[in-house]
Protein backbone atom coordinates (compact mmCIF):
# COMPACT_ATOMS: atom_id res chain seq x y z
CA UNK A 1 100.69 114.91 121.47
CA UNK A 2 103.35 112.28 122.16
CA UNK A 3 102.32 108.72 122.85
CA UNK A 4 103.58 106.41 125.53
CA UNK A 5 105.30 103.32 124.16
CA UNK A 6 103.45 100.06 123.81
CA UNK A 7 103.52 97.96 126.95
CA UNK A 8 105.51 95.40 125.01
CA UNK A 9 107.71 96.16 122.02
CA UNK A 10 106.39 94.73 118.77
CA UNK A 11 108.91 92.23 117.42
CA UNK A 12 109.71 91.77 113.75
CA UNK A 13 108.33 88.25 114.04
CA UNK A 14 105.00 89.64 115.22
CA UNK A 15 104.91 92.05 112.28
CA UNK A 16 105.66 89.27 109.78
CA UNK A 17 103.15 86.84 111.29
CA UNK A 18 100.47 89.56 111.33
CA UNK A 19 101.15 90.48 107.69
CA UNK A 20 101.16 86.82 106.71
CA UNK A 21 97.84 86.33 108.49
CA UNK A 22 96.22 89.23 106.63
CA UNK A 23 97.56 88.16 103.23
CA UNK A 24 96.95 84.46 103.84
CA UNK A 25 93.30 84.81 104.83
CA UNK A 26 92.63 87.11 101.89
CA UNK A 27 94.23 84.69 99.44
CA UNK A 28 92.49 81.68 101.01
CA UNK A 29 89.01 83.18 101.07
CA UNK A 30 89.01 84.79 97.64
CA UNK A 31 90.93 81.89 96.10
CA UNK A 32 88.32 79.51 97.45
CA UNK A 33 85.56 81.76 96.10
CA UNK A 34 87.12 81.68 92.64
CA UNK A 35 87.40 77.88 92.71
CA UNK A 36 83.78 77.54 93.82
CA UNK A 37 82.61 79.98 91.17
CA UNK A 38 84.42 78.09 88.42
CA UNK A 39 83.60 74.54 89.45
CA UNK A 40 80.29 74.39 91.29
CA UNK A 41 77.24 74.23 88.96
CA UNK A 42 74.73 77.00 89.43
CA UNK A 43 77.08 79.29 91.38
CA UNK A 44 77.93 81.60 88.45
CA UNK A 45 74.28 82.60 88.32
CA UNK A 46 74.62 83.87 91.90
CA UNK A 47 78.13 85.30 91.65
CA UNK A 48 77.08 88.49 93.41
CA UNK A 49 76.11 86.56 96.55
CA UNK A 50 79.38 84.60 96.43
CA UNK A 51 81.41 87.81 96.29
CA UNK A 52 79.51 89.34 99.20
CA UNK A 53 79.91 86.15 101.24
CA UNK A 54 83.63 86.15 100.50
CA UNK A 55 83.94 89.81 101.56
CA UNK A 56 82.14 89.10 104.83
CA UNK A 57 84.12 85.94 105.62
CA UNK A 58 87.43 87.62 104.75
CA UNK A 59 86.79 90.68 106.92
CA UNK A 60 85.48 88.74 109.93
CA UNK A 61 88.15 86.05 109.60
CA UNK A 62 90.97 88.58 109.32
CA UNK A 63 89.78 90.51 112.38
CA UNK A 64 89.47 87.39 114.54
CA UNK A 65 92.73 85.84 113.34
CA UNK A 66 94.72 89.06 113.74
CA UNK A 67 93.41 89.60 117.26
CA UNK A 68 94.23 85.96 118.09
CA UNK A 69 97.78 86.27 116.73
CA UNK A 70 98.46 89.42 118.72
CA UNK A 71 97.11 87.91 121.92
CA UNK A 72 99.20 84.77 121.39
CA UNK A 73 102.26 86.97 120.86
CA UNK A 74 101.60 88.62 124.22
CA UNK A 75 100.01 91.88 123.07
CA UNK A 76 96.72 92.98 124.57
CA UNK A 77 94.48 94.88 122.17
CA UNK A 78 94.39 97.76 124.65
CA UNK A 79 98.19 98.04 124.34
CA UNK A 80 98.04 97.91 120.55
CA UNK A 81 95.64 100.85 120.48
CA UNK A 82 92.14 99.85 121.55
CA UNK A 83 92.52 101.44 124.97
CA UNK A 84 89.73 103.17 126.86
CA UNK A 85 88.30 106.10 124.84
CA UNK A 86 88.74 109.60 126.24
CA UNK A 87 86.98 112.93 125.88
CA UNK A 88 89.45 113.87 123.14
CA UNK A 89 87.22 111.91 120.76
CA UNK A 90 84.90 114.94 120.67
CA UNK A 91 87.56 116.51 118.43
CA UNK A 92 86.36 114.10 115.74
CA UNK A 93 83.40 116.44 115.25
CA UNK A 94 85.73 118.77 113.35
CA UNK A 95 88.54 116.37 112.50
CA UNK A 96 86.41 114.03 110.36
CA UNK A 97 84.96 116.83 108.15
CA UNK A 98 88.42 118.40 107.84
CA UNK A 99 89.98 115.05 106.86
CA UNK A 100 87.27 114.38 104.29
CA UNK A 101 87.91 117.79 102.70
CA UNK A 102 91.66 117.12 102.59
CA UNK A 103 91.28 113.62 101.15
CA UNK A 104 88.71 114.52 98.49
CA UNK A 105 90.52 117.76 97.67
CA UNK A 106 93.76 115.88 97.11
CA UNK A 107 92.13 113.49 94.66
CA UNK A 108 90.27 116.27 92.83
CA UNK A 109 93.55 118.14 92.35
CA UNK A 110 95.09 114.99 90.88
CA UNK A 111 92.14 114.56 88.51
CA UNK A 112 92.43 118.20 87.45
CA UNK A 113 96.19 118.01 86.85
CA UNK A 114 96.19 114.65 85.05
CA UNK A 115 92.90 115.09 83.20
CA UNK A 116 91.69 111.77 84.58
CA UNK A 117 88.10 111.06 85.52
CA UNK A 118 86.76 109.51 88.73
CA UNK A 119 86.77 105.74 88.62
CA UNK A 120 83.36 104.09 88.80
CA UNK A 121 83.37 100.54 90.07
CA UNK A 122 80.57 99.24 87.86
CA UNK A 123 81.05 95.67 89.10
CA UNK A 124 80.36 96.75 92.68
CA UNK A 125 77.41 98.84 91.49
CA UNK A 126 75.89 95.83 89.75
CA UNK A 127 76.47 93.61 92.78
CA UNK A 128 74.78 96.08 95.12
CA UNK A 129 71.82 96.48 92.81
CA UNK A 130 71.18 92.80 92.18
CA UNK A 131 71.01 91.42 95.72
CA UNK A 132 68.39 91.44 98.42
CA UNK A 133 68.39 93.53 101.58
CA UNK A 134 70.07 90.85 103.73
CA UNK A 135 72.99 90.54 101.33
CA UNK A 136 73.21 94.33 101.02
CA UNK A 137 73.34 94.70 104.80
CA UNK A 138 76.03 92.01 104.92
CA UNK A 139 78.08 93.88 102.34
CA UNK A 140 77.64 97.12 104.28
CA UNK A 141 78.75 95.45 107.52
CA UNK A 142 81.83 93.98 105.86
CA UNK A 143 82.92 97.16 104.08
CA UNK A 144 81.84 99.88 106.49
CA UNK A 145 82.39 98.33 109.92
CA UNK A 146 84.44 95.13 110.04
CA UNK A 147 87.05 96.06 107.43
CA UNK A 148 87.89 99.37 109.17
CA UNK A 149 88.31 97.44 112.43
CA UNK A 150 90.91 94.99 111.14
CA UNK A 151 92.63 97.57 108.94
CA UNK A 152 93.07 99.94 111.88
CA UNK A 153 94.33 97.11 114.04
CA UNK A 154 96.87 96.15 111.37
CA UNK A 155 97.94 99.46 109.76
CA UNK A 156 97.63 101.89 112.67
CA UNK A 157 98.15 99.26 115.37
CA UNK A 158 100.82 96.81 114.24
CA UNK A 159 102.64 98.67 111.44
CA UNK A 160 102.42 102.11 113.03
CA UNK A 161 103.44 100.70 116.41
CA UNK A 162 106.32 98.68 114.98
CA UNK A 163 107.79 101.65 113.11
CA UNK A 164 107.17 104.03 116.01
CA UNK A 165 109.15 101.77 118.34
CA UNK A 166 112.16 102.12 116.05
CA UNK A 167 111.91 105.46 114.21
CA UNK A 168 109.53 107.46 116.37
CA UNK A 169 106.40 109.29 115.27
CA UNK A 170 108.18 111.04 112.38
CA UNK A 171 108.72 107.64 110.82
CA UNK A 172 105.51 105.93 111.91
CA UNK A 173 103.13 108.48 110.37
CA UNK A 174 104.45 108.57 106.77
CA UNK A 175 105.53 104.93 106.57
CA UNK A 176 102.21 103.54 107.82
CA UNK A 177 100.40 105.88 105.39
CA UNK A 178 102.51 104.73 102.41
CA UNK A 179 102.02 101.05 103.25
CA UNK A 180 98.27 101.63 103.64
CA UNK A 181 98.08 103.37 100.24
CA UNK A 182 100.15 100.76 98.41
CA UNK A 183 98.10 97.89 99.85
CA UNK A 184 94.95 99.42 98.38
CA UNK A 185 96.60 99.29 95.00
CA UNK A 186 94.57 101.28 92.43
CA UNK A 187 97.17 103.65 90.85
CA UNK A 188 94.82 106.55 90.09
CA UNK A 189 93.54 106.47 93.68
CA UNK A 190 96.98 106.37 95.32
CA UNK A 191 96.92 110.13 96.16
CA UNK A 192 93.49 109.65 97.78
CA UNK A 193 94.65 106.63 99.77
CA UNK A 194 97.92 108.30 100.77
CA UNK A 195 96.09 111.40 102.01
CA UNK A 196 93.64 109.18 103.88
CA UNK A 197 96.49 107.14 105.36
CA UNK A 198 98.20 110.31 106.58
CA UNK A 199 94.97 111.60 108.15
CA UNK A 200 94.37 108.26 109.87
CA UNK A 201 97.94 108.15 111.19
CA UNK A 202 97.69 111.73 112.46
CA UNK A 203 94.47 110.86 114.28
CA UNK A 204 96.23 107.84 115.76
CA UNK A 205 98.91 110.18 117.07
CA UNK A 206 96.55 112.89 118.29
CA UNK A 207 94.20 110.57 120.19
CA UNK A 208 96.84 108.10 121.36
CA UNK A 209 94.59 105.17 120.43
CA UNK A 210 92.79 103.57 117.48
CA UNK A 211 89.34 105.01 118.21
CA UNK A 212 90.10 108.29 116.44
CA UNK A 213 91.25 106.82 113.11
CA UNK A 214 88.56 104.15 113.37
CA UNK A 215 85.91 106.88 113.59
CA UNK A 216 87.18 108.51 110.39
CA UNK A 217 87.60 105.17 108.61
CA UNK A 218 84.06 104.02 109.46
CA UNK A 219 82.62 107.40 108.48
CA UNK A 220 84.25 107.34 105.05
CA UNK A 221 83.47 103.70 104.30
CA UNK A 222 79.91 104.03 105.58
CA UNK A 223 79.23 107.12 103.47
CA UNK A 224 80.63 105.48 100.33
CA UNK A 225 78.65 102.29 100.98
CA UNK A 226 75.38 104.12 101.65
CA UNK A 227 75.77 106.21 98.50
CA UNK A 228 76.49 103.07 96.49
CA UNK A 229 73.46 101.26 97.89
CA UNK A 230 71.19 104.25 97.39
CA UNK A 231 72.25 104.58 93.75
CA UNK A 232 71.98 100.83 93.18
CA UNK A 233 68.48 100.48 94.60
CA UNK A 234 66.95 103.58 92.96
């Protein structure tokens, strides 16, 4: 399926401002959290709550700021990709399971070839297990819902759209996937993130909007978060 071009071409300035907004808010929020944790008496004893608060503030702040920047630059969110959903979204009933199989299969093959073992984030496990239900729900909202929203807006909206305007879909799909994988940074998980980025970009192309990749992104993050919380609280 070919997509119609954005109503207004994404300028390089818009791309740079959007990227700066994402990086700047992340650095500001987590930098502030580190300063508070090191200098405010009593905070280290509640470091888990500080981390969850920082995650929630960063995800909400990034989503709001990114939407604001795009609107100020003359781009409606509907033009970036959050247009009216269509009946094609029913294809997610098979696309999400297929994508999960591809993504997990890719990582399992890498583990088998390299002899590596799955990475367990013990710090996140301990955080999830040491907080109350309100904090756990806040962490779930940040990781499973709000983060996929701003990441889809940025990676499959801005970056995908910017590259598509210049190189077409053959450039937008792999480049947006590579940038997505690199920004998530853990070397052993790069094959997983690259496969996920490709699946998300293909859904962006198939559906012609951000609802398709958002559905997959929320499904994966929600499943991982629920498994983590279930393990932590049992």
